[in-house]
Amino acid sequence: MEKTLNVASHKCQALIYTASGVPIVFLHGLSYTIDIWQRTGITELLMEKHVPFLALDMPYGLKSQCQPKTRDPEKNITVVNEAVKTVFGSAAPVLVGASIGGNMALRYATKFPVKGLLLVAPARALELDLVRSFSQFKFSTTIIWGSEDNVIASEDMRTLADKLPHAKLIVYDGASHSAYKDCPDRFKHDLLELYANAE
């Protein structure tokens, strides 16, 4: 399941599971790697349900197995797009992005087809260039925010939910910035619910 992908002049570790259907692509937060999706049991659940997925170590990740490193959003999005094409061909994915990964997921969706977004406390989600593109979004978006998040403000998440078409905000009481890690079972439920609407 774990492979090294050579895409867009980057060499990145990836967890890959192929099956028929809409693929899910996971973009981790700044200080995480692809192993967070394994540790929370999400990859195991998707394999049980025969849902194809790609979890990618990203060039922006502080600890990720991806070289060379870059924070440049365009370069990161190109890596994701090439990885998706390499693994799934022309299939439009559901993107799951946490924190900076959420920002990248939004940016990806402004350029390439997606079937849905699941954003966990996305960072800098209200940057002007992004907000201008939101009206084009025709897919469902679920935004998850932990009530104990001390990185991303609840007002920003409410504003984001208002500005995105077909978006809903779910608050995980007592969860921190990495809400999916604090409430993995609830997160799995919310992911499968969004996924069912995307197929």
C-alpha atoms as a PDB file:
ATOM      1  CA  MET A   1       0.000   0.000   0.000  1.00  0.00           C
ATOM      2  CA  GLU A   2       2.883   2.391   0.754  1.00  0.00           C
ATOM      3  CA  LYS A   3       4.754   3.580  -2.321  1.00  0.00           C
ATOM      4  CA  THR A   4       7.117   6.317  -3.406  1.00  0.00           C
ATOM      5  CA  LEU A   5       5.653   8.556  -6.098  1.00  0.00           C
ATOM      6  CA  ASN A   6       7.826  10.612  -8.409  1.00  0.00           C
ATOM      7  CA  VAL A   7       5.607  13.504  -9.468  1.00  0.00           C
ATOM      8  CA  ALA A   8       6.253  17.097 -10.584  1.00  0.00           C
ATOM      9  CA  SER A   9       9.993  16.823  -9.769  1.00  0.00           C
ATOM     10  CA  HIS A  10       9.188  15.671  -6.215  1.00  0.00           C
ATOM     11  CA  LYS A  11       9.693  12.293  -4.587  1.00  0.00           C
ATOM     12  CA  CYS A  12       6.969  11.680  -1.995  1.00  0.00           C
ATOM     13  CA  GLN A  13       5.759   8.786   0.132  1.00  0.00           C
ATOM     14  CA  ALA A  14       2.128   7.830  -0.459  1.00  0.00           C
ATOM     15  CA  LEU A  15      -0.482   5.398   0.812  1.00  0.00           C
ATOM     16  CA  ILE A  16      -2.467   4.086  -2.126  1.00  0.00           C
ATOM     17  CA  TYR A  17      -5.501   1.827  -2.338  1.00  0.00           C
ATOM     18  CA  THR A  18      -7.119   1.303  -5.706  1.00  0.00           C
ATOM     19  CA  ALA A  19     -10.696   0.153  -6.254  1.00  0.00           C
ATOM     20  CA  SER A  20     -13.604   1.285  -8.397  1.00  0.00           C
ATOM     21  CA  GLY A  21     -15.452   4.461  -7.474  1.00  0.00           C
ATOM     22  CA  VAL A  22     -14.617   8.061  -6.602  1.00  0.00           C
ATOM     23  CA  PRO A  23     -11.184   8.287  -4.949  1.00  0.00           C
ATOM     24  CA  ILE A  24     -10.498  10.167  -1.706  1.00  0.00           C
ATOM     25  CA  VAL A  25      -7.277  12.194  -1.484  1.00  0.00           C
ATOM     26  CA  PHE A  26      -5.871  13.121   1.949  1.00  0.00           C
ATOM     27  CA  LEU A  27      -3.732  16.227   2.547  1.00  0.00           C
ATOM     28  CA  HIS A  28      -2.220  16.332   6.048  1.00  0.00           C
ATOM     29  CA  GLY A  29      -1.452  19.331   8.249  1.00  0.00           C
ATOM     30  CA  LEU A  30       1.899  21.085   8.566  1.00  0.00           C
ATOM     31  CA  SER A  31       3.422  18.909  11.296  1.00  0.00           C
ATOM     32  CA  TYR A  32       1.848  15.570  10.271  1.00  0.00           C
ATOM     33  CA  THR A  33       2.588  12.900   7.676  1.00  0.00           C
ATOM     34  CA  ILE A  34       0.529  10.233   5.911  1.00  0.00           C
ATOM     35  CA  ASP A  35       0.758   8.009   8.996  1.00  0.00           C
ATOM     36  CA  ILE A  36      -1.874  10.152  10.797  1.00  0.00           C
ATOM     37  CA  TRP A  37      -4.554   8.682   8.514  1.00  0.00           C
ATOM     38  CA  GLN A  38      -3.401   5.173   9.479  1.00  0.00           C
ATOM     39  CA  ARG A  39      -3.128   5.926  13.212  1.00  0.00           C
ATOM     40  CA  THR A  40      -6.716   7.197  13.311  1.00  0.00           C
ATOM     41  CA  GLY A  41      -7.963   4.053  11.520  1.00  0.00           C
ATOM     42  CA  ILE A  42      -9.312   5.950   8.512  1.00  0.00           C
ATOM     43  CA  THR A  43      -7.327   4.070   5.844  1.00  0.00           C
ATOM     44  CA  GLU A  44      -8.327   0.730   7.353  1.00  0.00           C
ATOM     45  CA  LEU A  45     -12.013   1.693   7.283  1.00  0.00           C
ATOM     46  CA  LEU A  46     -11.838   2.752   3.635  1.00  0.00           C
ATOM     47  CA  MET A  47     -10.132  -0.496   2.618  1.00  0.00           C
ATOM     48  CA  GLU A  48     -12.883  -2.464   4.391  1.00  0.00           C
ATOM     49  CA  LYS A  49     -15.443  -0.501   2.386  1.00  0.00           C
ATOM     50  CA  HIS A  50     -13.433  -0.786  -0.878  1.00  0.00           C
ATOM     51  CA  VAL A  51     -13.116   2.980  -1.236  1.00  0.00           C
ATOM     52  CA  PRO A  52     -10.069   4.009  -3.304  1.00  0.00           C
ATOM     53  CA  PHE A  53      -7.761   6.550  -1.689  1.00  0.00           C
ATOM     54  CA  LEU A  54      -4.442   8.337  -1.898  1.00  0.00           C
ATOM     55  CA  ALA A  55      -2.738   9.831   1.157  1.00  0.00           C
ATOM     56  CA  LEU A  56       0.228  11.905   0.102  1.00  0.00           C
ATOM     57  CA  ASP A  57       3.218  13.188   2.053  1.00  0.00           C
ATOM     58  CA  MET A  58       3.251  16.812   0.978  1.00  0.00           C
ATOM     59  CA  PRO A  59       6.207  19.056   0.087  1.00  0.00           C
ATOM     60  CA  TYR A  60       5.016  21.602   2.694  1.00  0.00           C
ATOM     61  CA  GLY A  61       5.123  19.061   5.548  1.00  0.00           C
ATOM     62  CA  LEU A  62       7.756  19.658   8.210  1.00  0.00           C
ATOM     63  CA  LYS A  63       8.183  15.906   8.837  1.00  0.00           C
ATOM     64  CA  SER A  64       6.918  14.489   5.557  1.00  0.00           C
ATOM     65  CA  GLN A  65       8.879  12.063   3.402  1.00  0.00           C
ATOM     66  CA  CYS A  66       8.778  14.319   0.371  1.00  0.00           C
ATOM     67  CA  GLN A  67      11.701  16.021  -1.336  1.00  0.00           C
ATOM     68  CA  PRO A  68      12.391  18.743  -2.182  1.00  0.00           C
ATOM     69  CA  LYS A  69      10.431  20.713   0.400  1.00  0.00           C
ATOM     70  CA  THR A  70       8.454  23.796  -0.634  1.00  0.00           C
ATOM     71  CA  ARG A  71       5.707  25.964   0.846  1.00  0.00           C
ATOM     72  CA  ASP A  72       4.769  27.308  -2.602  1.00  0.00           C
ATOM     73  CA  PRO A  73       1.019  26.575  -3.018  1.00  0.00           C
ATOM     74  CA  GLU A  74       1.255  26.236  -6.818  1.00  0.00           C
ATOM     75  CA  LYS A  75       4.014  23.626  -6.578  1.00  0.00           C
ATOM     76  CA  ASN A  76       2.136  21.688  -3.890  1.00  0.00           C
ATOM     77  CA  ILE A  77      -1.080  21.663  -5.927  1.00  0.00           C
ATOM     78  CA  THR A  78       0.824  20.497  -9.019  1.00  0.00           C
ATOM     79  CA  VAL A  79       2.234  17.597  -6.979  1.00  0.00           C
ATOM     80  CA  VAL A  80      -1.294  16.626  -5.867  1.00  0.00           C
ATOM     81  CA  ASN A  81      -2.726  16.864  -9.365  1.00  0.00           C
ATOM     82  CA  GLU A  82       0.045  14.793 -10.926  1.00  0.00           C
ATOM     83  CA  ALA A  83      -0.256  12.202  -8.146  1.00  0.00           C
ATOM     84  CA  VAL A  84      -4.033  11.950  -8.678  1.00  0.00           C
ATOM     85  CA  LYS A  85      -3.569  11.532 -12.441  1.00  0.00           C
ATOM     86  CA  THR A  86      -0.808   8.947 -11.937  1.00  0.00           C
ATOM     87  CA  VAL A  87      -2.876   6.815  -9.545  1.00  0.00           C
ATOM     88  CA  PHE A  88      -6.481   7.404 -10.653  1.00  0.00           C
ATOM     89  CA  GLY A  89      -6.272   8.743 -14.212  1.00  0.00           C
ATOM     90  CA  SER A  90      -8.941  11.331 -14.986  1.00  0.00           C
ATOM     91  CA  ALA A  91     -11.142  10.592 -11.931  1.00  0.00           C
ATOM     92  CA  ALA A  92     -12.222  13.660  -9.943  1.00  0.00           C
ATOM     93  CA  PRO A  93     -11.507  13.038  -6.238  1.00  0.00           C
ATOM     94  CA  VAL A  94     -13.041  13.975  -2.920  1.00  0.00           C
ATOM     95  CA  LEU A  95     -10.353  15.988  -1.124  1.00  0.00           C
ATOM     96  CA  VAL A  96      -9.782  15.830   2.629  1.00  0.00           C
ATOM     97  CA  GLY A  97      -7.534  18.600   3.905  1.00  0.00           C
ATOM     98  CA  ALA A  98      -6.471  19.452   7.456  1.00  0.00           C
ATOM     99  CA  SER A  99      -5.195  22.929   8.385  1.00  0.00           C
ATOM    100  CA  ILE A 100      -2.683  23.930   5.650  1.00  0.00           C
ATOM    101  CA  GLY A 101      -3.884  20.828   3.784  1.00  0.00           C
ATOM    102  CA  GLY A 102      -7.348  22.401   3.828  1.00  0.00           C
ATOM    103  CA  ASN A 103      -5.946  25.526   2.202  1.00  0.00           C
ATOM    104  CA  MET A 104      -4.331  23.346  -0.480  1.00  0.00           C
ATOM    105  CA  ALA A 105      -7.590  21.439  -1.004  1.00  0.00           C
ATOM    106  CA  LEU A 106      -9.456  24.707  -1.600  1.00  0.00           C
ATOM    107  CA  ARG A 107      -6.756  25.903  -3.993  1.00  0.00           C
ATOM    108  CA  TYR A 108      -6.843  22.580  -5.850  1.00  0.00           C
ATOM    109  CA  ALA A 109     -10.617  22.861  -6.229  1.00  0.00           C
ATOM    110  CA  THR A 110     -10.262  26.270  -7.900  1.00  0.00           C
ATOM    111  CA  LYS A 111      -8.183  24.666 -10.691  1.00  0.00           C
ATOM    112  CA  PHE A 112      -9.166  21.018 -11.062  1.00  0.00           C
ATOM    113  CA  PRO A 113     -12.408  19.003 -10.891  1.00  0.00           C
ATOM    114  CA  VAL A 114     -13.378  17.629  -7.471  1.00  0.00           C
ATOM    115  CA  LYS A 115     -16.450  15.758  -6.206  1.00  0.00           C
ATOM    116  CA  GLY A 116     -16.423  17.180  -2.690  1.00  0.00           C
ATOM    117  CA  LEU A 117     -14.303  18.761   0.053  1.00  0.00           C
ATOM    118  CA  LEU A 118     -13.895  17.806   3.698  1.00  0.00           C
ATOM    119  CA  LEU A 119     -11.936  20.575   5.410  1.00  0.00           C
ATOM    120  CA  VAL A 120     -10.671  20.328   8.978  1.00  0.00           C
ATOM    121  CA  ALA A 121      -9.989  23.844  10.295  1.00  0.00           C
ATOM    122  CA  PRO A 122      -8.504  24.975   6.983  1.00  0.00           C
ATOM    123  CA  ALA A 123      -5.764  27.598   7.332  1.00  0.00           C
ATOM    124  CA  ARG A 124      -6.003  30.946   5.528  1.00  0.00           C
ATOM    125  CA  ALA A 125      -9.241  29.865   3.878  1.00  0.00           C
ATOM    126  CA  LEU A 126     -10.518  33.422   3.448  1.00  0.00           C
ATOM    127  CA  GLU A 127      -7.625  34.734   1.359  1.00  0.00           C
ATOM    128  CA  LEU A 128      -9.090  37.012  -1.290  1.00  0.00           C
ATOM    129  CA  ASP A 129      -7.917  35.051  -4.329  1.00  0.00           C
ATOM    130  CA  LEU A 130      -9.606  31.953  -2.915  1.00  0.00           C
ATOM    131  CA  VAL A 131     -12.864  33.633  -1.920  1.00  0.00           C
ATOM    132  CA  ARG A 132     -13.267  35.016  -5.456  1.00  0.00           C
ATOM    133  CA  SER A 133     -13.378  31.441  -6.790  1.00  0.00           C
ATOM    134  CA  PHE A 134     -15.883  30.008  -4.317  1.00  0.00           C
ATOM    135  CA  SER A 135     -18.926  30.838  -6.428  1.00  0.00           C
ATOM    136  CA  GLN A 136     -17.721  28.309  -9.043  1.00  0.00           C
ATOM    137  CA  PHE A 137     -17.855  25.428  -6.545  1.00  0.00           C
ATOM    138  CA  LYS A 138     -20.716  23.078  -7.469  1.00  0.00           C
ATOM    139  CA  PHE A 139     -19.916  20.279  -5.004  1.00  0.00           C
ATOM    140  CA  SER A 140     -20.657  19.691  -1.304  1.00  0.00           C
ATOM    141  CA  THR A 141     -18.215  20.909   1.331  1.00  0.00           C
ATOM    142  CA  THR A 142     -18.096  19.849   4.973  1.00  0.00           C
ATOM    143  CA  ILE A 143     -16.070  22.034   7.345  1.00  0.00           C
ATOM    144  CA  ILE A 144     -15.052  20.559  10.701  1.00  0.00           C
ATOM    145  CA  TRP A 145     -13.815  22.731  13.548  1.00  0.00           C
ATOM    146  CA  GLY A 146     -12.914  21.764  17.123  1.00  0.00           C
ATOM    147  CA  SER A 147     -14.356  23.982  19.853  1.00  0.00           C
ATOM    148  CA  GLU A 148     -10.932  24.035  21.605  1.00  0.00           C
ATOM    149  CA  ASP A 149      -9.049  25.029  18.442  1.00  0.00           C
ATOM    150  CA  ASN A 150      -6.592  27.802  19.378  1.00  0.00           C
ATOM    151  CA  VAL A 151      -5.198  28.199  15.845  1.00  0.00           C
ATOM    152  CA  ILE A 152      -8.268  28.881  13.675  1.00  0.00           C
ATOM    153  CA  ALA A 153     -11.077  31.208  14.814  1.00  0.00           C
ATOM    154  CA  SER A 154     -14.681  29.979  14.864  1.00  0.00           C
ATOM    155  CA  GLU A 155     -15.825  33.218  13.177  1.00  0.00           C
ATOM    156  CA  ASP A 156     -13.576  32.459  10.216  1.00  0.00           C
ATOM    157  CA  MET A 157     -15.081  28.998   9.851  1.00  0.00           C
ATOM    158  CA  ARG A 158     -18.629  30.397  10.023  1.00  0.00           C
ATOM    159  CA  THR A 159     -17.753  33.016   7.398  1.00  0.00           C
ATOM    160  CA  LEU A 160     -16.222  30.310   5.204  1.00  0.00           C
ATOM    161  CA  ALA A 161     -19.360  28.167   5.488  1.00  0.00           C
ATOM    162  CA  ASP A 162     -21.459  31.192   4.486  1.00  0.00           C
ATOM    163  CA  LYS A 163     -19.282  32.004   1.481  1.00  0.00           C
ATOM    164  CA  LEU A 164     -19.016  28.460   0.086  1.00  0.00           C
ATOM    165  CA  PRO A 165     -22.026  27.148  -1.843  1.00  0.00           C
ATOM    166  CA  HIS A 166     -23.354  23.803  -0.543  1.00  0.00           C
ATOM    167  CA  ALA A 167     -21.275  23.982   2.659  1.00  0.00           C
ATOM    168  CA  LYS A 168     -22.006  22.960   6.216  1.00  0.00           C
ATOM    169  CA  LEU A 169     -20.001  23.566   9.376  1.00  0.00           C
ATOM    170  CA  ILE A 170     -19.777  20.874  12.037  1.00  0.00           C
ATOM    171  CA  VAL A 171     -18.325  21.743  15.464  1.00  0.00           C
ATOM    172  CA  TYR A 172     -16.647  18.958  17.452  1.00  0.00           C
ATOM    173  CA  ASP A 173     -17.137  19.908  21.108  1.00  0.00           C
ATOM    174  CA  GLY A 174     -13.935  19.610  23.121  1.00  0.00           C
ATOM    175  CA  ALA A 175     -11.734  18.884  20.100  1.00  0.00           C
ATOM    176  CA  SER A 176      -8.507  20.729  19.321  1.00  0.00           C
ATOM    177  CA  HIS A 177      -7.156  22.064  16.012  1.00  0.00           C
ATOM    178  CA  SER A 178      -6.638  18.476  14.787  1.00  0.00           C
ATOM    179  CA  ALA A 179     -10.290  17.619  15.457  1.00  0.00           C
ATOM    180  CA  TYR A 180     -10.227  14.417  13.361  1.00  0.00           C
ATOM    181  CA  LYS A 181      -7.497  13.037  15.648  1.00  0.00           C
ATOM    182  CA  ASP A 182      -9.468  13.838  18.808  1.00  0.00           C
ATOM    183  CA  CYS A 183     -12.763  12.409  17.472  1.00  0.00           C
ATOM    184  CA  PRO A 184     -11.791   9.760  14.887  1.00  0.00           C
ATOM    185  CA  ASP A 185     -15.093   7.871  14.959  1.00  0.00           C
ATOM    186  CA  ARG A 186     -17.156  10.991  14.422  1.00  0.00           C
ATOM    187  CA  PHE A 187     -14.763  12.055  11.666  1.00  0.00           C
ATOM    188  CA  LYS A 188     -15.130   8.699   9.886  1.00  0.00           C
ATOM    189  CA  HIS A 189     -18.915   9.079  10.014  1.00  0.00           C
ATOM    190  CA  ASP A 190     -18.764  12.614   8.575  1.00  0.00           C
ATOM    191  CA  LEU A 191     -16.327  11.525   5.865  1.00  0.00           C
ATOM    192  CA  LEU A 192     -18.513   8.618   4.768  1.00  0.00           C
ATOM    193  CA  GLU A 193     -21.600  10.857   4.765  1.00  0.00           C
ATOM    194  CA  LEU A 194     -19.915  13.417   2.485  1.00  0.00           C
ATOM    195  CA  TYR A 195     -18.546  10.616   0.322  1.00  0.00           C
ATOM    196  CA  ALA A 196     -21.988   9.071  -0.153  1.00  0.00           C
ATOM    197  CA  ASN A 197     -23.215  12.400  -1.572  1.00  0.00           C
ATOM    198  CA  ALA A 198     -20.213  12.667  -3.902  1.00  0.00           C
ATOM    199  CA  GLU A 199     -20.621   9.379  -5.751  1.00  0.00           C
END
